[in-house]
């Protein structure tokens, strides 16, 4: 099996011109411009938007590693109306006090004191003020499966901040399938019962993978000169199991292999080289 040599990566910048691209199409960063709305990703996006705008309180979004959860969250933040104030927590490994402080900071509030009670009072005053101004408030917590039980309980208590008509804060818990398993625990039944909107993102089908690859190429400026044939897509989908992040990783190396081979038609040969590079020596 052919392994791409280390010097091969020195040519990466040159493949943009070869393929007529303006930027790298298969970066693994969560850029909303590259969000591919497969039916399942469209539904996930719509569920989160609906849960926030209709003030449903708790929303749960789950999916396997690399399925596009964080990208959807970024798109949601960009797609919400101006009368929604948002905060995003990316690091779930926090204590209850640290979580409250991170929330207040992200909402742009001046944090006074260092105790949790003061933080809760500050948050409550902020939420009541936003409600008076008819402004909705949403908190998105990524990688929520890693939250400690104590922090989970603190989050549940936040849902007690409400008026007679609706919740003052909408909380989106985003995580891997383990989040569903954790919420199934009897000790978290009170939190689980408060989740009214749920969605789980399933992998891309092979047909969706074809459209996904073409979508990212077009966003990156492709004029159609580079083509992935059916044998290439079949191998990419088999290796990635329909996970967008793995599709990106393979396709980025595939374009390098195609550049070295000086071909605009990507086939099984280039995909095998790319997978060998990703897997490393065995």
C-alpha atoms as a PDB file:
ATOM      1  CA  UNK A   1       0.000   0.000   0.000  1.00  0.00           C
ATOM      2  CA  UNK A   2       1.345   3.444  -0.904  1.00  0.00           C
ATOM      3  CA  UNK A   3       1.967   5.860   1.972  1.00  0.00           C
ATOM      4  CA  UNK A   4       2.050   9.582   1.186  1.00  0.00           C
ATOM      5  CA  UNK A   5       5.490  10.889   2.058  1.00  0.00           C
ATOM      6  CA  UNK A   6       6.043  13.763   4.495  1.00  0.00           C
ATOM      7  CA  UNK A   7       7.245  16.056   1.712  1.00  0.00           C
ATOM      8  CA  UNK A   8       3.860  15.636   0.119  1.00  0.00           C
ATOM      9  CA  UNK A   9       2.344  18.068   2.598  1.00  0.00           C
ATOM     10  CA  UNK A  10       4.636  20.846   1.430  1.00  0.00           C
ATOM     11  CA  UNK A  11       2.604  20.897  -1.771  1.00  0.00           C
ATOM     12  CA  UNK A  12      -0.755  21.334  -0.070  1.00  0.00           C
ATOM     13  CA  UNK A  13      -0.986  25.055  -0.737  1.00  0.00           C
ATOM     14  CA  UNK A  14      -0.404  24.392  -4.442  1.00  0.00           C
ATOM     15  CA  UNK A  15      -3.446  22.157  -4.857  1.00  0.00           C
ATOM     16  CA  UNK A  16      -5.761  25.154  -4.477  1.00  0.00           C
ATOM     17  CA  UNK A  17      -4.590  26.588  -7.802  1.00  0.00           C
ATOM     18  CA  UNK A  18      -4.542  23.171  -9.451  1.00  0.00           C
ATOM     19  CA  UNK A  19      -8.198  22.573  -8.607  1.00  0.00           C
ATOM     20  CA  UNK A  20      -9.283  26.187  -9.039  1.00  0.00           C
ATOM     21  CA  UNK A  21     -10.207  26.612  -5.368  1.00  0.00           C
ATOM     22  CA  UNK A  22     -10.171  29.801  -3.305  1.00  0.00           C
ATOM     23  CA  UNK A  23      -9.802  28.042   0.046  1.00  0.00           C
ATOM     24  CA  UNK A  24      -9.484  24.583   1.532  1.00  0.00           C
ATOM     25  CA  UNK A  25     -12.897  22.917   1.168  1.00  0.00           C
ATOM     26  CA  UNK A  26     -12.456  20.189   3.767  1.00  0.00           C
ATOM     27  CA  UNK A  27     -11.253  22.004   6.852  1.00  0.00           C
ATOM     28  CA  UNK A  28     -12.549  20.435  10.090  1.00  0.00           C
ATOM     29  CA  UNK A  29     -13.304  23.792  11.745  1.00  0.00           C
ATOM     30  CA  UNK A  30     -17.040  24.439  12.399  1.00  0.00           C
ATOM     31  CA  UNK A  31     -17.547  27.133   9.728  1.00  0.00           C
ATOM     32  CA  UNK A  32     -21.321  27.773   9.269  1.00  0.00           C
ATOM     33  CA  UNK A  33     -20.712  28.702   5.606  1.00  0.00           C
ATOM     34  CA  UNK A  34     -19.913  25.066   4.935  1.00  0.00           C
ATOM     35  CA  UNK A  35     -22.894  23.664   6.827  1.00  0.00           C
ATOM     36  CA  UNK A  36     -24.541  21.087   4.591  1.00  0.00           C
ATOM     37  CA  UNK A  37     -28.236  20.867   5.278  1.00  0.00           C
ATOM     38  CA  UNK A  38     -28.913  17.192   4.782  1.00  0.00           C
ATOM     39  CA  UNK A  39     -32.496  16.353   5.809  1.00  0.00           C
ATOM     40  CA  UNK A  40     -31.278  15.340   9.265  1.00  0.00           C
ATOM     41  CA  UNK A  41     -29.107  18.441   9.718  1.00  0.00           C
ATOM     42  CA  UNK A  42     -31.960  20.672   8.558  1.00  0.00           C
ATOM     43  CA  UNK A  43     -34.257  19.025  11.110  1.00  0.00           C
ATOM     44  CA  UNK A  44     -31.665  19.396  13.868  1.00  0.00           C
ATOM     45  CA  UNK A  45     -31.255  23.098  13.078  1.00  0.00           C
ATOM     46  CA  UNK A  46     -35.035  23.609  12.951  1.00  0.00           C
ATOM     47  CA  UNK A  47     -35.576  21.788  16.250  1.00  0.00           C
ATOM     48  CA  UNK A  48     -33.068  23.986  18.074  1.00  0.00           C
ATOM     49  CA  UNK A  49     -34.377  27.212  16.521  1.00  0.00           C
ATOM     50  CA  UNK A  50     -37.945  26.192  17.355  1.00  0.00           C
ATOM     51  CA  UNK A  51     -37.085  25.288  20.942  1.00  0.00           C
ATOM     52  CA  UNK A  52     -35.361  28.609  21.539  1.00  0.00           C
ATOM     53  CA  UNK A  53     -37.835  30.888  19.777  1.00  0.00           C
ATOM     54  CA  UNK A  54     -40.861  29.176  21.337  1.00  0.00           C
ATOM     55  CA  UNK A  55     -39.217  29.311  24.763  1.00  0.00           C
ATOM     56  CA  UNK A  56     -39.435  25.588  25.409  1.00  0.00           C
ATOM     57  CA  UNK A  57     -36.915  25.648  28.247  1.00  0.00           C
ATOM     58  CA  UNK A  58     -34.653  22.624  27.661  1.00  0.00           C
ATOM     59  CA  UNK A  59     -33.554  21.406  24.219  1.00  0.00           C
ATOM     60  CA  UNK A  60     -31.388  18.315  23.663  1.00  0.00           C
ATOM     61  CA  UNK A  61     -29.256  17.802  20.536  1.00  0.00           C
ATOM     62  CA  UNK A  62     -27.149  14.659  20.233  1.00  0.00           C
ATOM     63  CA  UNK A  63     -25.038  12.929  17.612  1.00  0.00           C
ATOM     64  CA  UNK A  64     -21.841  10.948  17.152  1.00  0.00           C
ATOM     65  CA  UNK A  65     -18.430  12.621  17.275  1.00  0.00           C
ATOM     66  CA  UNK A  66     -17.857  14.669  14.128  1.00  0.00           C
ATOM     67  CA  UNK A  67     -21.462  14.637  12.918  1.00  0.00           C
ATOM     68  CA  UNK A  68     -21.731  18.447  12.767  1.00  0.00           C
ATOM     69  CA  UNK A  69     -23.301  19.364  16.120  1.00  0.00           C
ATOM     70  CA  UNK A  70     -20.995  22.306  16.810  1.00  0.00           C
ATOM     71  CA  UNK A  71     -21.399  23.626  13.266  1.00  0.00           C
ATOM     72  CA  UNK A  72     -25.171  23.533  13.693  1.00  0.00           C
ATOM     73  CA  UNK A  73     -24.831  25.446  16.967  1.00  0.00           C
ATOM     74  CA  UNK A  74     -22.787  28.129  15.204  1.00  0.00           C
ATOM     75  CA  UNK A  75     -25.410  28.323  12.477  1.00  0.00           C
ATOM     76  CA  UNK A  76     -28.165  28.616  15.086  1.00  0.00           C
ATOM     77  CA  UNK A  77     -26.352  31.497  16.761  1.00  0.00           C
ATOM     78  CA  UNK A  78     -26.097  33.223  13.378  1.00  0.00           C
ATOM     79  CA  UNK A  79     -29.712  32.450  12.444  1.00  0.00           C
ATOM     80  CA  UNK A  80     -31.491  33.626  15.580  1.00  0.00           C
ATOM     81  CA  UNK A  81     -33.311  36.932  15.471  1.00  0.00           C
ATOM     82  CA  UNK A  82     -31.841  40.040  17.087  1.00  0.00           C
ATOM     83  CA  UNK A  83     -34.242  39.809  20.027  1.00  0.00           C
ATOM     84  CA  UNK A  84     -32.475  36.708  21.344  1.00  0.00           C
ATOM     85  CA  UNK A  85     -29.512  37.150  23.682  1.00  0.00           C
ATOM     86  CA  UNK A  86     -27.172  34.153  23.608  1.00  0.00           C
ATOM     87  CA  UNK A  87     -24.263  32.584  25.447  1.00  0.00           C
ATOM     88  CA  UNK A  88     -22.156  29.601  24.357  1.00  0.00           C
ATOM     89  CA  UNK A  89     -20.235  27.330  26.739  1.00  0.00           C
ATOM     90  CA  UNK A  90     -17.663  25.203  24.916  1.00  0.00           C
ATOM     91  CA  UNK A  91     -15.798  23.843  27.951  1.00  0.00           C
ATOM     92  CA  UNK A  92     -18.120  21.715  30.097  1.00  0.00           C
ATOM     93  CA  UNK A  93     -15.442  20.750  32.630  1.00  0.00           C
ATOM     94  CA  UNK A  94     -16.489  23.444  35.082  1.00  0.00           C
ATOM     95  CA  UNK A  95     -17.711  23.609  38.651  1.00  0.00           C
ATOM     96  CA  UNK A  96     -21.141  25.068  39.394  1.00  0.00           C
ATOM     97  CA  UNK A  97     -19.604  28.439  40.284  1.00  0.00           C
ATOM     98  CA  UNK A  98     -17.335  28.451  37.227  1.00  0.00           C
ATOM     99  CA  UNK A  99     -20.304  27.656  34.986  1.00  0.00           C
ATOM    100  CA  UNK A 100     -22.298  30.572  36.384  1.00  0.00           C
ATOM    101  CA  UNK A 101     -19.351  32.924  35.976  1.00  0.00           C
ATOM    102  CA  UNK A 102     -18.739  31.770  32.394  1.00  0.00           C
ATOM    103  CA  UNK A 103     -22.420  32.318  31.563  1.00  0.00           C
ATOM    104  CA  UNK A 104     -22.451  35.836  33.000  1.00  0.00           C
ATOM    105  CA  UNK A 105     -19.260  36.734  31.165  1.00  0.00           C
ATOM    106  CA  UNK A 106     -20.635  35.474  27.859  1.00  0.00           C
ATOM    107  CA  UNK A 107     -23.840  37.464  28.376  1.00  0.00           C
ATOM    108  CA  UNK A 108     -21.609  40.523  28.802  1.00  0.00           C
ATOM    109  CA  UNK A 109     -22.553  41.074  32.430  1.00  0.00           C
ATOM    110  CA  UNK A 110     -20.297  42.634  35.031  1.00  0.00           C
ATOM    111  CA  UNK A 111     -19.562  39.926  37.553  1.00  0.00           C
ATOM    112  CA  UNK A 112     -19.399  41.066  41.171  1.00  0.00           C
ATOM    113  CA  UNK A 113     -18.373  38.817  44.019  1.00  0.00           C
ATOM    114  CA  UNK A 114     -17.188  35.243  43.799  1.00  0.00           C
ATOM    115  CA  UNK A 115     -19.998  33.196  45.286  1.00  0.00           C
ATOM    116  CA  UNK A 116     -22.662  31.276  43.414  1.00  0.00           C
ATOM    117  CA  UNK A 117     -25.564  33.003  45.164  1.00  0.00           C
ATOM    118  CA  UNK A 118     -24.409  36.388  43.907  1.00  0.00           C
ATOM    119  CA  UNK A 119     -24.036  34.981  40.400  1.00  0.00           C
ATOM    120  CA  UNK A 120     -27.563  33.558  40.457  1.00  0.00           C
ATOM    121  CA  UNK A 121     -28.997  36.855  41.679  1.00  0.00           C
ATOM    122  CA  UNK A 122     -27.128  38.697  38.922  1.00  0.00           C
ATOM    123  CA  UNK A 123     -28.423  36.253  36.309  1.00  0.00           C
ATOM    124  CA  UNK A 124     -31.991  36.484  37.618  1.00  0.00           C
ATOM    125  CA  UNK A 125     -31.948  40.287  37.502  1.00  0.00           C
ATOM    126  CA  UNK A 126     -30.600  40.121  33.954  1.00  0.00           C
ATOM    127  CA  UNK A 127     -33.261  37.629  32.839  1.00  0.00           C
ATOM    128  CA  UNK A 128     -36.090  39.681  34.357  1.00  0.00           C
ATOM    129  CA  UNK A 129     -34.760  42.799  32.639  1.00  0.00           C
ATOM    130  CA  UNK A 130     -34.531  40.992  29.309  1.00  0.00           C
ATOM    131  CA  UNK A 131     -38.058  39.654  29.751  1.00  0.00           C
ATOM    132  CA  UNK A 132     -39.355  43.153  30.439  1.00  0.00           C
ATOM    133  CA  UNK A 133     -37.701  44.289  27.213  1.00  0.00           C
ATOM    134  CA  UNK A 134     -39.234  41.277  25.393  1.00  0.00           C
ATOM    135  CA  UNK A 135     -35.799  39.791  24.740  1.00  0.00           C
ATOM    136  CA  UNK A 136     -35.427  36.007  24.757  1.00  0.00           C
ATOM    137  CA  UNK A 137     -32.303  34.463  26.353  1.00  0.00           C
ATOM    138  CA  UNK A 138     -30.619  31.222  25.278  1.00  0.00           C
ATOM    139  CA  UNK A 139     -27.665  29.265  26.633  1.00  0.00           C
ATOM    140  CA  UNK A 140     -25.959  26.589  24.508  1.00  0.00           C
ATOM    141  CA  UNK A 141     -23.691  24.091  26.264  1.00  0.00           C
ATOM    142  CA  UNK A 142     -21.530  21.984  23.945  1.00  0.00           C
ATOM    143  CA  UNK A 143     -20.071  18.592  24.931  1.00  0.00           C
ATOM    144  CA  UNK A 144     -22.733  18.410  27.651  1.00  0.00           C
ATOM    145  CA  UNK A 145     -22.112  14.690  28.182  1.00  0.00           C
ATOM    146  CA  UNK A 146     -19.027  15.729  30.188  1.00  0.00           C
ATOM    147  CA  UNK A 147     -20.919  17.863  32.714  1.00  0.00           C
ATOM    148  CA  UNK A 148     -20.565  16.667  36.292  1.00  0.00           C
ATOM    149  CA  UNK A 149     -23.701  15.575  38.192  1.00  0.00           C
ATOM    150  CA  UNK A 150     -23.491  18.663  40.411  1.00  0.00           C
ATOM    151  CA  UNK A 151     -23.332  20.976  37.394  1.00  0.00           C
ATOM    152  CA  UNK A 152     -26.226  19.089  35.795  1.00  0.00           C
ATOM    153  CA  UNK A 153     -28.263  19.796  38.909  1.00  0.00           C
ATOM    154  CA  UNK A 154     -27.268  23.464  38.804  1.00  0.00           C
ATOM    155  CA  UNK A 155     -28.471  23.642  35.215  1.00  0.00           C
ATOM    156  CA  UNK A 156     -31.783  22.058  36.195  1.00  0.00           C
ATOM    157  CA  UNK A 157     -32.243  24.685  38.894  1.00  0.00           C
ATOM    158  CA  UNK A 158     -31.760  27.418  36.304  1.00  0.00           C
ATOM    159  CA  UNK A 159     -34.955  26.266  34.661  1.00  0.00           C
ATOM    160  CA  UNK A 160     -36.812  27.432  37.776  1.00  0.00           C
ATOM    161  CA  UNK A 161     -36.197  30.982  36.597  1.00  0.00           C
ATOM    162  CA  UNK A 162     -39.517  31.618  34.887  1.00  0.00           C
ATOM    163  CA  UNK A 163     -42.642  33.740  34.752  1.00  0.00           C
ATOM    164  CA  UNK A 164     -46.237  32.517  34.698  1.00  0.00           C
ATOM    165  CA  UNK A 165     -46.123  32.546  30.888  1.00  0.00           C
ATOM    166  CA  UNK A 166     -42.751  31.107  29.870  1.00  0.00           C
ATOM    167  CA  UNK A 167     -39.179  30.206  30.761  1.00  0.00           C
ATOM    168  CA  UNK A 168     -36.772  33.102  31.213  1.00  0.00           C
ATOM    169  CA  UNK A 169     -33.851  31.125  29.778  1.00  0.00           C
ATOM    170  CA  UNK A 170     -33.711  28.435  27.085  1.00  0.00           C
ATOM    171  CA  UNK A 171     -30.934  25.879  27.614  1.00  0.00           C
ATOM    172  CA  UNK A 172     -29.611  23.759  24.743  1.00  0.00           C
ATOM    173  CA  UNK A 173     -27.667  20.668  25.809  1.00  0.00           C
ATOM    174  CA  UNK A 174     -25.474  19.468  22.940  1.00  0.00           C
ATOM    175  CA  UNK A 175     -23.547  16.239  23.220  1.00  0.00           C
ATOM    176  CA  UNK A 176     -22.565  12.784  22.100  1.00  0.00           C
ATOM    177  CA  UNK A 177     -24.911   9.780  22.501  1.00  0.00           C
ATOM    178  CA  UNK A 178     -23.538   9.355  26.025  1.00  0.00           C
ATOM    179  CA  UNK A 179     -25.582  12.428  26.969  1.00  0.00           C
ATOM    180  CA  UNK A 180     -28.789  10.472  26.375  1.00  0.00           C
ATOM    181  CA  UNK A 181     -27.441   7.651  28.523  1.00  0.00           C
ATOM    182  CA  UNK A 182     -26.551  10.021  31.344  1.00  0.00           C
ATOM    183  CA  UNK A 183     -29.949  11.707  31.255  1.00  0.00           C
ATOM    184  CA  UNK A 184     -31.571   8.283  31.498  1.00  0.00           C
ATOM    185  CA  UNK A 185     -30.112   7.937  34.986  1.00  0.00           C
ATOM    186  CA  UNK A 186     -32.749   7.958  37.743  1.00  0.00           C
ATOM    187  CA  UNK A 187     -30.796  10.695  39.539  1.00  0.00           C
ATOM    188  CA  UNK A 188     -31.346  13.045  36.575  1.00  0.00           C
ATOM    189  CA  UNK A 189     -35.006  12.241  35.958  1.00  0.00           C
ATOM    190  CA  UNK A 190     -36.104  15.730  37.016  1.00  0.00           C
ATOM    191  CA  UNK A 191     -33.853  17.269  34.374  1.00  0.00           C
ATOM    192  CA  UNK A 192     -34.822  14.680  31.754  1.00  0.00           C
ATOM    193  CA  UNK A 193     -38.530  15.365  32.297  1.00  0.00           C
ATOM    194  CA  UNK A 194     -37.986  19.057  31.581  1.00  0.00           C
ATOM    195  CA  UNK A 195     -36.501  18.454  28.142  1.00  0.00           C
ATOM    196  CA  UNK A 196     -39.321  19.093  25.676  1.00  0.00           C
ATOM    197  CA  UNK A 197     -37.391  19.231  22.379  1.00  0.00           C
ATOM    198  CA  UNK A 198     -35.011  16.437  21.355  1.00  0.00           C
ATOM    199  CA  UNK A 199     -33.171  15.513  18.168  1.00  0.00           C
ATOM    200  CA  UNK A 200     -30.452  12.999  17.308  1.00  0.00           C
ATOM    201  CA  UNK A 201     -28.363  13.548  14.156  1.00  0.00           C
ATOM    202  CA  UNK A 202     -27.884  10.385  12.089  1.00  0.00           C
ATOM    203  CA  UNK A 203     -24.904   9.812   9.709  1.00  0.00           C
ATOM    204  CA  UNK A 204     -24.905  10.813   6.048  1.00  0.00           C
ATOM    205  CA  UNK A 205     -26.058   8.227   3.537  1.00  0.00           C
ATOM    206  CA  UNK A 206     -23.812   7.507   0.534  1.00  0.00           C
ATOM    207  CA  UNK A 207     -26.089   9.604  -1.697  1.00  0.00           C
ATOM    208  CA  UNK A 208     -25.871  12.481   0.798  1.00  0.00           C
ATOM    209  CA  UNK A 209     -22.088  12.109   0.935  1.00  0.00           C
ATOM    210  CA  UNK A 210     -21.945  12.778  -2.833  1.00  0.00           C
ATOM    211  CA  UNK A 211     -23.918  16.006  -2.394  1.00  0.00           C
ATOM    212  CA  UNK A 212     -21.944  16.925   0.729  1.00  0.00           C
ATOM    213  CA  UNK A 213     -18.579  16.681  -1.057  1.00  0.00           C
ATOM    214  CA  UNK A 214     -19.864  18.703  -4.013  1.00  0.00           C
ATOM    215  CA  UNK A 215     -21.355  21.309  -1.659  1.00  0.00           C
ATOM    216  CA  UNK A 216     -18.069  21.929   0.142  1.00  0.00           C
ATOM    217  CA  UNK A 217     -16.143  22.126  -3.124  1.00  0.00           C
ATOM    218  CA  UNK A 218     -18.563  24.738  -4.478  1.00  0.00           C
ATOM    219  CA  UNK A 219     -18.406  26.831  -1.292  1.00  0.00           C
ATOM    220  CA  UNK A 220     -14.605  26.772  -1.629  1.00  0.00           C
ATOM    221  CA  UNK A 221     -14.901  28.176  -5.161  1.00  0.00           C
ATOM    222  CA  UNK A 222     -14.787  25.055  -7.333  1.00  0.00           C
ATOM    223  CA  UNK A 223     -15.850  25.532 -10.959  1.00  0.00           C
ATOM    224  CA  UNK A 224     -16.548  21.825 -11.315  1.00  0.00           C
ATOM    225  CA  UNK A 225     -13.204  20.800 -12.735  1.00  0.00           C
ATOM    226  CA  UNK A 226     -12.498  18.321  -9.918  1.00  0.00           C
ATOM    227  CA  UNK A 227     -14.763  15.276  -9.822  1.00  0.00           C
ATOM    228  CA  UNK A 228     -15.054  12.433  -7.302  1.00  0.00           C
ATOM    229  CA  UNK A 229     -16.127   9.304  -9.162  1.00  0.00           C
ATOM    230  CA  UNK A 230     -18.521   6.735  -7.696  1.00  0.00           C
ATOM    231  CA  UNK A 231     -15.739   4.357  -6.610  1.00  0.00           C
ATOM    232  CA  UNK A 232     -14.087   7.169  -4.649  1.00  0.00           C
ATOM    233  CA  UNK A 233     -17.292   8.175  -2.865  1.00  0.00           C
ATOM    234  CA  UNK A 234     -18.064   4.548  -2.048  1.00  0.00           C
ATOM    235  CA  UNK A 235     -14.698   4.102  -0.306  1.00  0.00           C
ATOM    236  CA  UNK A 236     -14.940   7.473   1.456  1.00  0.00           C
ATOM    237  CA  UNK A 237     -18.383   6.674   2.802  1.00  0.00           C
ATOM    238  CA  UNK A 238     -17.357   3.185   3.890  1.00  0.00           C
ATOM    239  CA  UNK A 239     -14.339   4.513   5.786  1.00  0.00           C
ATOM    240  CA  UNK A 240     -16.140   7.479   7.360  1.00  0.00           C
ATOM    241  CA  UNK A 241     -19.440   5.678   8.072  1.00  0.00           C
ATOM    242  CA  UNK A 242     -21.132   8.896   6.981  1.00  0.00           C
ATOM    243  CA  UNK A 243     -19.463  11.069   9.644  1.00  0.00           C
ATOM    244  CA  UNK A 244     -18.837  14.534   8.116  1.00  0.00           C
ATOM    245  CA  UNK A 245     -15.610  15.161  10.040  1.00  0.00           C
ATOM    246  CA  UNK A 246     -14.080  11.922   8.764  1.00  0.00           C
ATOM    247  CA  UNK A 247     -15.321  12.673   5.244  1.00  0.00           C
ATOM    248  CA  UNK A 248     -13.464  15.993   5.495  1.00  0.00           C
ATOM    249  CA  UNK A 249     -10.280  14.367   6.758  1.00  0.00           C
ATOM    250  CA  UNK A 250     -10.248  11.821   3.937  1.00  0.00           C
ATOM    251  CA  UNK A 251     -11.183  14.296   1.204  1.00  0.00           C
ATOM    252  CA  UNK A 252      -8.476  16.763   2.223  1.00  0.00           C
ATOM    253  CA  UNK A 253      -5.835  14.065   1.815  1.00  0.00           C
ATOM    254  CA  UNK A 254      -7.566  12.815  -1.335  1.00  0.00           C
ATOM    255  CA  UNK A 255      -7.088  16.200  -3.006  1.00  0.00           C
ATOM    256  CA  UNK A 256      -3.409  16.075  -2.088  1.00  0.00           C
ATOM    257  CA  UNK A 257      -3.143  12.633  -3.659  1.00  0.00           C
ATOM    258  CA  UNK A 258      -4.965  13.825  -6.758  1.00  0.00           C
ATOM    259  CA  UNK A 259      -2.647  16.811  -7.055  1.00  0.00           C
ATOM    260  CA  UNK A 260       0.433  14.575  -6.880  1.00  0.00           C
ATOM    261  CA  UNK A 261      -1.099  12.300  -9.521  1.00  0.00           C
ATOM    262  CA  UNK A 262      -2.034  15.376 -11.603  1.00  0.00           C
ATOM    263  CA  UNK A 263      -5.612  14.225 -12.023  1.00  0.00           C
ATOM    264  CA  UNK A 264      -8.876  16.155 -11.785  1.00  0.00           C
ATOM    265  CA  UNK A 265     -10.894  12.950 -11.524  1.00  0.00           C
ATOM    266  CA  UNK A 266     -10.600  11.455  -8.066  1.00  0.00           C
ATOM    267  CA  UNK A 267     -10.900   7.679  -7.973  1.00  0.00           C
ATOM    268  CA  UNK A 268     -10.380   4.747  -5.650  1.00  0.00           C
ATOM    269  CA  UNK A 269      -6.588   4.947  -6.047  1.00  0.00           C
ATOM    270  CA  UNK A 270      -6.374   8.423  -4.498  1.00  0.00           C
ATOM    271  CA  UNK A 271      -8.799   7.499  -1.716  1.00  0.00           C
ATOM    272  CA  UNK A 272      -6.756   4.436  -0.749  1.00  0.00           C
ATOM    273  CA  UNK A 273      -3.625   6.602  -0.533  1.00  0.00           C
ATOM    274  CA  UNK A 274      -5.460   9.165   1.606  1.00  0.00           C
ATOM    275  CA  UNK A 275      -6.807   6.528   4.009  1.00  0.00           C
ATOM    276  CA  UNK A 276      -3.358   4.960   4.317  1.00  0.00           C
ATOM    277  CA  UNK A 277      -1.974   8.381   5.252  1.00  0.00           C
ATOM    278  CA  UNK A 278      -4.665   8.898   7.883  1.00  0.00           C
ATOM    279  CA  UNK A 279      -4.245   5.449   9.382  1.00  0.00           C
ATOM    280  CA  UNK A 280      -0.444   5.620   9.448  1.00  0.00           C
ATOM    281  CA  UNK A 281       1.927   2.618   9.475  1.00  0.00           C
ATOM    282  CA  UNK A 282       0.411  -0.661  10.675  1.00  0.00           C
END
